[in-house]
Every structure is written in structure tokens, then in C-alpha cells.
């Protein structure tokens, strides 16, 4: 039996990126699966991000197939030359009746459903939506598949805020009903290491490339 097992350890680095800003981010509207586009500021953020990633070697570029993520990935690909791999499992959580509404609208129009949502019940699925448990299982299994498919590599993944949240909670062993305590920033770099079902957080919320961008 070999005394040094390091040669068999093939950790995968996953750089998770939240898409650039959209008009609905500014308005604090629930986006979910609604196919919103980037705002002008969001496109500027994506270009700044692309320039940052052009200086870093990585093996593959994955993206949610929703427009706001895909636009962000396309601008990155123009600078790095990577083909984009579309992955629907990287979509944001599906929020059903809440999609397109502000939090104030949600509470006014659907008070009972909103109260259940705000209670952070892990198994509550609003009408037409999915529960946090279903969502986390979907996106974490997708990220694990990517990690195993590219074992030993470095992968950039363009996705959505709550996918970042799910990865953060997996790495920190943080329950769904416990406050996260860190922000979900548009066009931020969030670096994780994946190995054999385990997640390790290396860096969070890096937006140094956005300093010249006015938002």
C-alpha cells in the first residue's frame, strides 16, 4: 500500500459566480425562473469579471441556462475562449406565485404563503415553486457532478444567489434556518474545493474587479 496517498487526492476547485446585476435585483423582485436580462450595470460588471478571469487558467465554464447567467457567461467566454456548458440544474430556486413580486407584494397578496416562506421551513414549497430541500438537493448534486467530472481541475460556474447560499451552507455545515451572515454579491467570485462529497470554502464575495464599475 502506498505510504503517500496525495497522488490519489484530486480535489476540484469550483469558482462559483453570481450573475451580474439585473433591474429586478435593484427592485428586490423575486426572480426565480423568470428569464430576466442583465442591466447596463450588470453587463459592465460581467465585462470586469471577464477581464479578471482572463488572467486565470481554468478548465471549463458552466452556466445556468437562464438569460442573466448566460449573458454573464457569454461575456466571460468572449475574453477567455471557453465554450459554455449549459446546465439547467444551476437555475435559481423556483418561487412559483412569488416570482415577479417584491417582498411587500408577496406579503400583501399571499400573506399565509409568505408567512410560511419567512418561517424558513425547509420543506415548504409555495404554490408553483420548490422547497428549499428540493432546491438544495438539485443544485448541490449538480455541483458535485461537475466536481467529479473535472476531478483535479479548476472550473468556473455562473449561477444564482441561492446556489451560492447552498454551497456556502454545505461547506459551513449551516442549517437552512440559521442566518448566513455574509452577502450574496452580483458578479462576485466565490471559491470552493470539492472532494468526495465534501465542500471547503476557500474565499467568499471577492468583487475587487468591480471597483471601477459604477452601480
C-alpha atoms as a PDB file:
ATOM      1  CA  UNK A   1       0.000   0.000   0.000  1.00  0.00           C
ATOM      2  CA  UNK A   2       1.485   3.386  -0.920  1.00  0.00           C
ATOM      3  CA  UNK A   3       2.659   5.488   2.022  1.00  0.00           C
ATOM      4  CA  UNK A   4       1.759   8.747   0.262  1.00  0.00           C
ATOM      5  CA  UNK A   5      -1.863   8.966  -0.770  1.00  0.00           C
ATOM      6  CA  UNK A   6      -1.590  12.558  -2.023  1.00  0.00           C
ATOM      7  CA  UNK A   7      -1.207  11.329  -5.592  1.00  0.00           C
ATOM      8  CA  UNK A   8      -4.744   9.919  -5.393  1.00  0.00           C
ATOM      9  CA  UNK A   9      -6.335  13.076  -3.948  1.00  0.00           C
ATOM     10  CA  UNK A  10      -7.893  15.010  -6.806  1.00  0.00           C
ATOM     11  CA  UNK A  11      -9.648  17.998  -5.360  1.00  0.00           C
ATOM     12  CA  UNK A  12     -11.663  20.142  -7.741  1.00  0.00           C
ATOM     13  CA  UNK A  13     -11.709  23.919  -7.445  1.00  0.00           C
ATOM     14  CA  UNK A  14     -15.106  25.395  -8.263  1.00  0.00           C
ATOM     15  CA  UNK A  15     -15.275  29.160  -8.685  1.00  0.00           C
ATOM     16  CA  UNK A  16     -18.936  29.990  -8.246  1.00  0.00           C
ATOM     17  CA  UNK A  17     -20.062  33.307  -9.692  1.00  0.00           C
ATOM     18  CA  UNK A  18     -23.376  35.028  -9.205  1.00  0.00           C
ATOM     19  CA  UNK A  19     -24.597  36.638 -12.448  1.00  0.00           C
ATOM     20  CA  UNK A  20     -24.330  40.390 -12.979  1.00  0.00           C
ATOM     21  CA  UNK A  21     -26.980  42.734 -11.698  1.00  0.00           C
ATOM     22  CA  UNK A  22     -30.468  42.810 -13.224  1.00  0.00           C
ATOM     23  CA  UNK A  23     -33.156  45.514 -12.947  1.00  0.00           C
ATOM     24  CA  UNK A  24     -35.099  43.182 -10.670  1.00  0.00           C
ATOM     25  CA  UNK A  25     -32.125  42.895  -8.306  1.00  0.00           C
ATOM     26  CA  UNK A  26     -32.313  46.667  -7.868  1.00  0.00           C
ATOM     27  CA  UNK A  27     -36.068  46.489  -7.296  1.00  0.00           C
ATOM     28  CA  UNK A  28     -35.728  43.491  -4.956  1.00  0.00           C
ATOM     29  CA  UNK A  29     -38.163  41.452  -7.023  1.00  0.00           C
ATOM     30  CA  UNK A  30     -38.188  37.686  -6.732  1.00  0.00           C
ATOM     31  CA  UNK A  31     -36.693  36.347  -9.971  1.00  0.00           C
ATOM     32  CA  UNK A  32     -36.631  32.590  -9.585  1.00  0.00           C
ATOM     33  CA  UNK A  33     -37.061  31.025 -13.033  1.00  0.00           C
ATOM     34  CA  UNK A  34     -38.222  34.243 -14.732  1.00  0.00           C
ATOM     35  CA  UNK A  35     -35.757  34.814 -17.578  1.00  0.00           C
ATOM     36  CA  UNK A  36     -34.579  38.329 -16.728  1.00  0.00           C
ATOM     37  CA  UNK A  37     -31.712  40.060 -18.536  1.00  0.00           C
ATOM     38  CA  UNK A  38     -28.738  41.963 -17.179  1.00  0.00           C
ATOM     39  CA  UNK A  39     -28.992  45.685 -16.599  1.00  0.00           C
ATOM     40  CA  UNK A  40     -26.429  48.035 -18.127  1.00  0.00           C
ATOM     41  CA  UNK A  41     -24.574  47.988 -14.816  1.00  0.00           C
ATOM     42  CA  UNK A  42     -24.804  44.175 -14.805  1.00  0.00           C
ATOM     43  CA  UNK A  43     -23.184  43.971 -18.231  1.00  0.00           C
ATOM     44  CA  UNK A  44     -20.386  46.271 -17.059  1.00  0.00           C
ATOM     45  CA  UNK A  45     -19.904  44.014 -14.040  1.00  0.00           C
ATOM     46  CA  UNK A  46     -19.742  40.956 -16.291  1.00  0.00           C
ATOM     47  CA  UNK A  47     -17.096  42.574 -18.521  1.00  0.00           C
ATOM     48  CA  UNK A  48     -14.996  43.480 -15.472  1.00  0.00           C
ATOM     49  CA  UNK A  49     -15.383  39.910 -14.242  1.00  0.00           C
ATOM     50  CA  UNK A  50     -14.409  38.562 -17.659  1.00  0.00           C
ATOM     51  CA  UNK A  51     -11.215  40.607 -17.659  1.00  0.00           C
ATOM     52  CA  UNK A  52     -10.392  39.258 -14.207  1.00  0.00           C
ATOM     53  CA  UNK A  53     -10.953  35.652 -15.248  1.00  0.00           C
ATOM     54  CA  UNK A  54      -8.992  36.112 -18.483  1.00  0.00           C
ATOM     55  CA  UNK A  55      -5.911  36.244 -16.300  1.00  0.00           C
ATOM     56  CA  UNK A  56      -6.663  32.952 -14.590  1.00  0.00           C
ATOM     57  CA  UNK A  57      -6.361  29.461 -16.009  1.00  0.00           C
ATOM     58  CA  UNK A  58      -9.385  27.206 -15.669  1.00  0.00           C
ATOM     59  CA  UNK A  59     -10.577  24.078 -17.437  1.00  0.00           C
ATOM     60  CA  UNK A  60     -14.274  24.615 -18.162  1.00  0.00           C
ATOM     61  CA  UNK A  61     -17.048  27.186 -17.998  1.00  0.00           C
ATOM     62  CA  UNK A  62     -20.527  26.116 -16.868  1.00  0.00           C
ATOM     63  CA  UNK A  63     -23.636  28.272 -16.683  1.00  0.00           C
ATOM     64  CA  UNK A  64     -27.268  28.207 -15.696  1.00  0.00           C
ATOM     65  CA  UNK A  65     -29.359  28.449 -18.840  1.00  0.00           C
ATOM     66  CA  UNK A  66     -31.316  31.460 -17.538  1.00  0.00           C
ATOM     67  CA  UNK A  67     -30.546  34.597 -19.526  1.00  0.00           C
ATOM     68  CA  UNK A  68     -28.959  36.663 -16.735  1.00  0.00           C
ATOM     69  CA  UNK A  69     -26.427  33.925 -16.035  1.00  0.00           C
ATOM     70  CA  UNK A  70     -25.922  33.011 -19.696  1.00  0.00           C
ATOM     71  CA  UNK A  71     -25.226  36.640 -20.648  1.00  0.00           C
ATOM     72  CA  UNK A  72     -22.634  36.823 -17.888  1.00  0.00           C
ATOM     73  CA  UNK A  73     -21.029  33.583 -19.083  1.00  0.00           C
ATOM     74  CA  UNK A  74     -21.064  34.724 -22.721  1.00  0.00           C
ATOM     75  CA  UNK A  75     -19.129  37.882 -21.875  1.00  0.00           C
ATOM     76  CA  UNK A  76     -16.600  35.791 -19.954  1.00  0.00           C
ATOM     77  CA  UNK A  77     -16.258  33.332 -22.829  1.00  0.00           C
ATOM     78  CA  UNK A  78     -15.522  36.201 -25.229  1.00  0.00           C
ATOM     79  CA  UNK A  79     -12.451  37.029 -23.135  1.00  0.00           C
ATOM     80  CA  UNK A  80     -11.296  33.523 -22.205  1.00  0.00           C
ATOM     81  CA  UNK A  81     -12.193  31.460 -25.300  1.00  0.00           C
ATOM     82  CA  UNK A  82     -14.052  28.764 -23.354  1.00  0.00           C
ATOM     83  CA  UNK A  83     -17.145  27.037 -24.677  1.00  0.00           C
ATOM     84  CA  UNK A  84     -20.093  27.419 -22.303  1.00  0.00           C
ATOM     85  CA  UNK A  85     -21.691  24.262 -20.940  1.00  0.00           C
ATOM     86  CA  UNK A  86     -25.388  24.894 -20.218  1.00  0.00           C
ATOM     87  CA  UNK A  87     -26.712  23.244 -17.057  1.00  0.00           C
ATOM     88  CA  UNK A  88     -30.400  23.786 -16.156  1.00  0.00           C
ATOM     89  CA  UNK A  89     -29.851  22.350 -12.661  1.00  0.00           C
ATOM     90  CA  UNK A  90     -27.857  25.505 -11.858  1.00  0.00           C
ATOM     91  CA  UNK A  91     -31.010  27.628 -12.094  1.00  0.00           C
ATOM     92  CA  UNK A  92     -32.211  29.716  -9.175  1.00  0.00           C
ATOM     93  CA  UNK A  93     -34.803  28.250  -6.829  1.00  0.00           C
ATOM     94  CA  UNK A  94     -38.270  28.193  -8.408  1.00  0.00           C
ATOM     95  CA  UNK A  95     -40.547  30.536  -6.441  1.00  0.00           C
ATOM     96  CA  UNK A  96     -43.885  29.948  -8.184  1.00  0.00           C
ATOM     97  CA  UNK A  97     -46.518  32.534  -7.203  1.00  0.00           C
ATOM     98  CA  UNK A  98     -43.868  34.830  -5.722  1.00  0.00           C
ATOM     99  CA  UNK A  99     -41.942  35.334  -8.963  1.00  0.00           C
ATOM    100  CA  UNK A 100     -42.007  38.907 -10.226  1.00  0.00           C
ATOM    101  CA  UNK A 101     -43.140  40.296  -6.864  1.00  0.00           C
ATOM    102  CA  UNK A 102     -41.384  42.442  -4.285  1.00  0.00           C
ATOM    103  CA  UNK A 103     -41.372  41.258  -0.681  1.00  0.00           C
ATOM    104  CA  UNK A 104     -44.045  43.846   0.095  1.00  0.00           C
ATOM    105  CA  UNK A 105     -46.205  42.491  -2.750  1.00  0.00           C
ATOM    106  CA  UNK A 106     -45.712  38.918  -1.594  1.00  0.00           C
ATOM    107  CA  UNK A 107     -46.838  39.722   1.930  1.00  0.00           C
ATOM    108  CA  UNK A 108     -49.848  41.736   0.740  1.00  0.00           C
ATOM    109  CA  UNK A 109     -51.081  39.297  -1.916  1.00  0.00           C
ATOM    110  CA  UNK A 110     -50.217  35.965  -0.284  1.00  0.00           C
ATOM    111  CA  UNK A 111     -49.983  36.551   3.494  1.00  0.00           C
ATOM    112  CA  UNK A 112     -50.301  32.887   4.539  1.00  0.00           C
ATOM    113  CA  UNK A 113     -47.850  31.611   1.960  1.00  0.00           C
ATOM    114  CA  UNK A 114     -45.437  34.447   2.712  1.00  0.00           C
ATOM    115  CA  UNK A 115     -45.524  33.656   6.438  1.00  0.00           C
ATOM    116  CA  UNK A 116     -44.668  30.013   5.708  1.00  0.00           C
ATOM    117  CA  UNK A 117     -41.828  31.147   3.447  1.00  0.00           C
ATOM    118  CA  UNK A 118     -40.481  33.570   6.059  1.00  0.00           C
ATOM    119  CA  UNK A 119     -40.563  30.817   8.704  1.00  0.00           C
ATOM    120  CA  UNK A 120     -37.707  29.162   6.755  1.00  0.00           C
ATOM    121  CA  UNK A 121     -39.486  25.809   6.727  1.00  0.00           C
ATOM    122  CA  UNK A 122     -37.030  23.599   4.817  1.00  0.00           C
ATOM    123  CA  UNK A 123     -39.843  21.536   3.284  1.00  0.00           C
ATOM    124  CA  UNK A 124     -42.284  24.307   2.369  1.00  0.00           C
ATOM    125  CA  UNK A 125     -42.924  24.724  -1.365  1.00  0.00           C
ATOM    126  CA  UNK A 126     -45.002  27.758  -2.287  1.00  0.00           C
ATOM    127  CA  UNK A 127     -47.643  27.070  -4.994  1.00  0.00           C
ATOM    128  CA  UNK A 128     -45.847  26.521  -8.276  1.00  0.00           C
ATOM    129  CA  UNK A 129     -42.442  26.547  -6.568  1.00  0.00           C
ATOM    130  CA  UNK A 130     -39.992  24.159  -4.941  1.00  0.00           C
ATOM    131  CA  UNK A 131     -38.968  23.710  -1.326  1.00  0.00           C
ATOM    132  CA  UNK A 132     -35.532  24.691  -0.077  1.00  0.00           C
ATOM    133  CA  UNK A 133     -34.788  20.989   0.439  1.00  0.00           C
ATOM    134  CA  UNK A 134     -35.670  20.173  -3.177  1.00  0.00           C
ATOM    135  CA  UNK A 135     -33.690  23.152  -4.448  1.00  0.00           C
ATOM    136  CA  UNK A 136     -30.563  22.375  -2.433  1.00  0.00           C
ATOM    137  CA  UNK A 137     -30.624  18.724  -3.498  1.00  0.00           C
ATOM    138  CA  UNK A 138     -30.883  19.813  -7.147  1.00  0.00           C
ATOM    139  CA  UNK A 139     -28.088  22.351  -7.218  1.00  0.00           C
ATOM    140  CA  UNK A 140     -25.665  20.570  -4.862  1.00  0.00           C
ATOM    141  CA  UNK A 141     -25.964  17.322  -6.822  1.00  0.00           C
ATOM    142  CA  UNK A 142     -25.205  19.294  -9.981  1.00  0.00           C
ATOM    143  CA  UNK A 143     -22.131  20.929  -8.443  1.00  0.00           C
ATOM    144  CA  UNK A 144     -20.952  17.553  -7.147  1.00  0.00           C
ATOM    145  CA  UNK A 145     -21.364  16.052 -10.628  1.00  0.00           C
ATOM    146  CA  UNK A 146     -19.251  18.880 -12.071  1.00  0.00           C
ATOM    147  CA  UNK A 147     -16.648  18.407  -9.361  1.00  0.00           C
ATOM    148  CA  UNK A 148     -16.360  14.698 -10.048  1.00  0.00           C
ATOM    149  CA  UNK A 149     -16.418  15.128 -13.827  1.00  0.00           C
ATOM    150  CA  UNK A 150     -13.461  17.504 -13.640  1.00  0.00           C
ATOM    151  CA  UNK A 151     -11.598  15.944 -10.709  1.00  0.00           C
ATOM    152  CA  UNK A 152      -8.321  17.740 -10.125  1.00  0.00           C
ATOM    153  CA  UNK A 153      -9.329  20.696 -12.301  1.00  0.00           C
ATOM    154  CA  UNK A 154     -10.477  24.273 -11.855  1.00  0.00           C
ATOM    155  CA  UNK A 155     -13.993  25.134 -13.055  1.00  0.00           C
ATOM    156  CA  UNK A 156     -15.912  28.412 -13.317  1.00  0.00           C
ATOM    157  CA  UNK A 157     -19.658  28.143 -12.706  1.00  0.00           C
ATOM    158  CA  UNK A 158     -22.016  31.044 -13.463  1.00  0.00           C
ATOM    159  CA  UNK A 159     -25.148  30.717 -11.398  1.00  0.00           C
ATOM    160  CA  UNK A 160     -27.509  32.449  -8.949  1.00  0.00           C
ATOM    161  CA  UNK A 161     -27.535  33.779  -5.436  1.00  0.00           C
ATOM    162  CA  UNK A 162     -29.220  30.881  -3.675  1.00  0.00           C
ATOM    163  CA  UNK A 163     -26.955  28.346  -5.389  1.00  0.00           C
ATOM    164  CA  UNK A 164     -24.074  30.212  -3.735  1.00  0.00           C
ATOM    165  CA  UNK A 165     -26.028  30.078  -0.485  1.00  0.00           C
ATOM    166  CA  UNK A 166     -26.473  26.304  -0.783  1.00  0.00           C
ATOM    167  CA  UNK A 167     -22.748  25.753  -1.399  1.00  0.00           C
ATOM    168  CA  UNK A 168     -21.843  28.046   1.492  1.00  0.00           C
ATOM    169  CA  UNK A 169     -24.158  26.170   3.849  1.00  0.00           C
ATOM    170  CA  UNK A 170     -22.756  22.813   2.705  1.00  0.00           C
ATOM    171  CA  UNK A 171     -19.185  23.984   3.324  1.00  0.00           C
ATOM    172  CA  UNK A 172     -20.030  25.518   6.714  1.00  0.00           C
ATOM    173  CA  UNK A 173     -22.488  22.806   7.815  1.00  0.00           C
ATOM    174  CA  UNK A 174     -25.007  25.608   8.304  1.00  0.00           C
ATOM    175  CA  UNK A 175     -28.679  24.697   8.601  1.00  0.00           C
ATOM    176  CA  UNK A 176     -31.274  26.371   6.369  1.00  0.00           C
ATOM    177  CA  UNK A 177     -32.911  28.194   9.299  1.00  0.00           C
ATOM    178  CA  UNK A 178     -29.633  29.719  10.542  1.00  0.00           C
ATOM    179  CA  UNK A 179     -28.753  33.187   9.179  1.00  0.00           C
ATOM    180  CA  UNK A 180     -25.946  33.057   6.635  1.00  0.00           C
ATOM    181  CA  UNK A 181     -24.269  36.241   7.852  1.00  0.00           C
ATOM    182  CA  UNK A 182     -22.483  37.042   4.572  1.00  0.00           C
ATOM    183  CA  UNK A 183     -23.875  38.774   1.452  1.00  0.00           C
ATOM    184  CA  UNK A 184     -24.645  37.295  -1.967  1.00  0.00           C
ATOM    185  CA  UNK A 185     -22.943  39.736  -4.320  1.00  0.00           C
ATOM    186  CA  UNK A 186     -23.567  40.107  -8.034  1.00  0.00           C
ATOM    187  CA  UNK A 187     -20.552  39.203 -10.218  1.00  0.00           C
ATOM    188  CA  UNK A 188     -18.594  38.007  -7.189  1.00  0.00           C
ATOM    189  CA  UNK A 189     -16.004  35.214  -7.147  1.00  0.00           C
ATOM    190  CA  UNK A 190     -16.651  32.549  -4.507  1.00  0.00           C
ATOM    191  CA  UNK A 191     -14.120  29.729  -4.429  1.00  0.00           C
ATOM    192  CA  UNK A 192     -14.806  26.238  -3.121  1.00  0.00           C
ATOM    193  CA  UNK A 193     -12.890  22.982  -3.126  1.00  0.00           C
ATOM    194  CA  UNK A 194     -14.830  19.748  -3.658  1.00  0.00           C
ATOM    195  CA  UNK A 195     -13.666  16.215  -2.897  1.00  0.00           C
ATOM    196  CA  UNK A 196     -15.708  13.052  -2.419  1.00  0.00           C
ATOM    197  CA  UNK A 197     -18.898  14.753  -1.305  1.00  0.00           C
ATOM    198  CA  UNK A 198     -17.190  17.275   0.966  1.00  0.00           C
ATOM    199  CA  UNK A 199     -17.041  21.034   0.415  1.00  0.00           C
ATOM    200  CA  UNK A 200     -14.438  23.505   1.660  1.00  0.00           C
ATOM    201  CA  UNK A 201     -14.775  27.269   1.331  1.00  0.00           C
ATOM    202  CA  UNK A 202     -11.587  28.987   0.201  1.00  0.00           C
ATOM    203  CA  UNK A 203     -12.781  32.565  -0.431  1.00  0.00           C
ATOM    204  CA  UNK A 204     -16.080  34.434  -0.490  1.00  0.00           C
ATOM    205  CA  UNK A 205     -17.506  37.571  -2.055  1.00  0.00           C
ATOM    206  CA  UNK A 206     -14.435  38.712  -3.989  1.00  0.00           C
ATOM    207  CA  UNK A 207     -15.509  41.777  -6.004  1.00  0.00           C
ATOM    208  CA  UNK A 208     -12.150  43.517  -6.306  1.00  0.00           C
ATOM    209  CA  UNK A 209     -12.581  43.580 -10.077  1.00  0.00           C
ATOM    210  CA  UNK A 210     -15.741  45.685  -9.715  1.00  0.00           C
ATOM    211  CA  UNK A 211     -14.112  48.724  -8.087  1.00  0.00           C
ATOM    212  CA  UNK A 212     -14.077  50.738 -11.360  1.00  0.00           C
ATOM    213  CA  UNK A 213     -17.711  49.808 -12.132  1.00  0.00           C
ATOM    214  CA  UNK A 214     -20.382  52.291 -11.128  1.00  0.00           C
ATOM    215  CA  UNK A 215     -23.540  50.555  -9.836  1.00  0.00           C
END
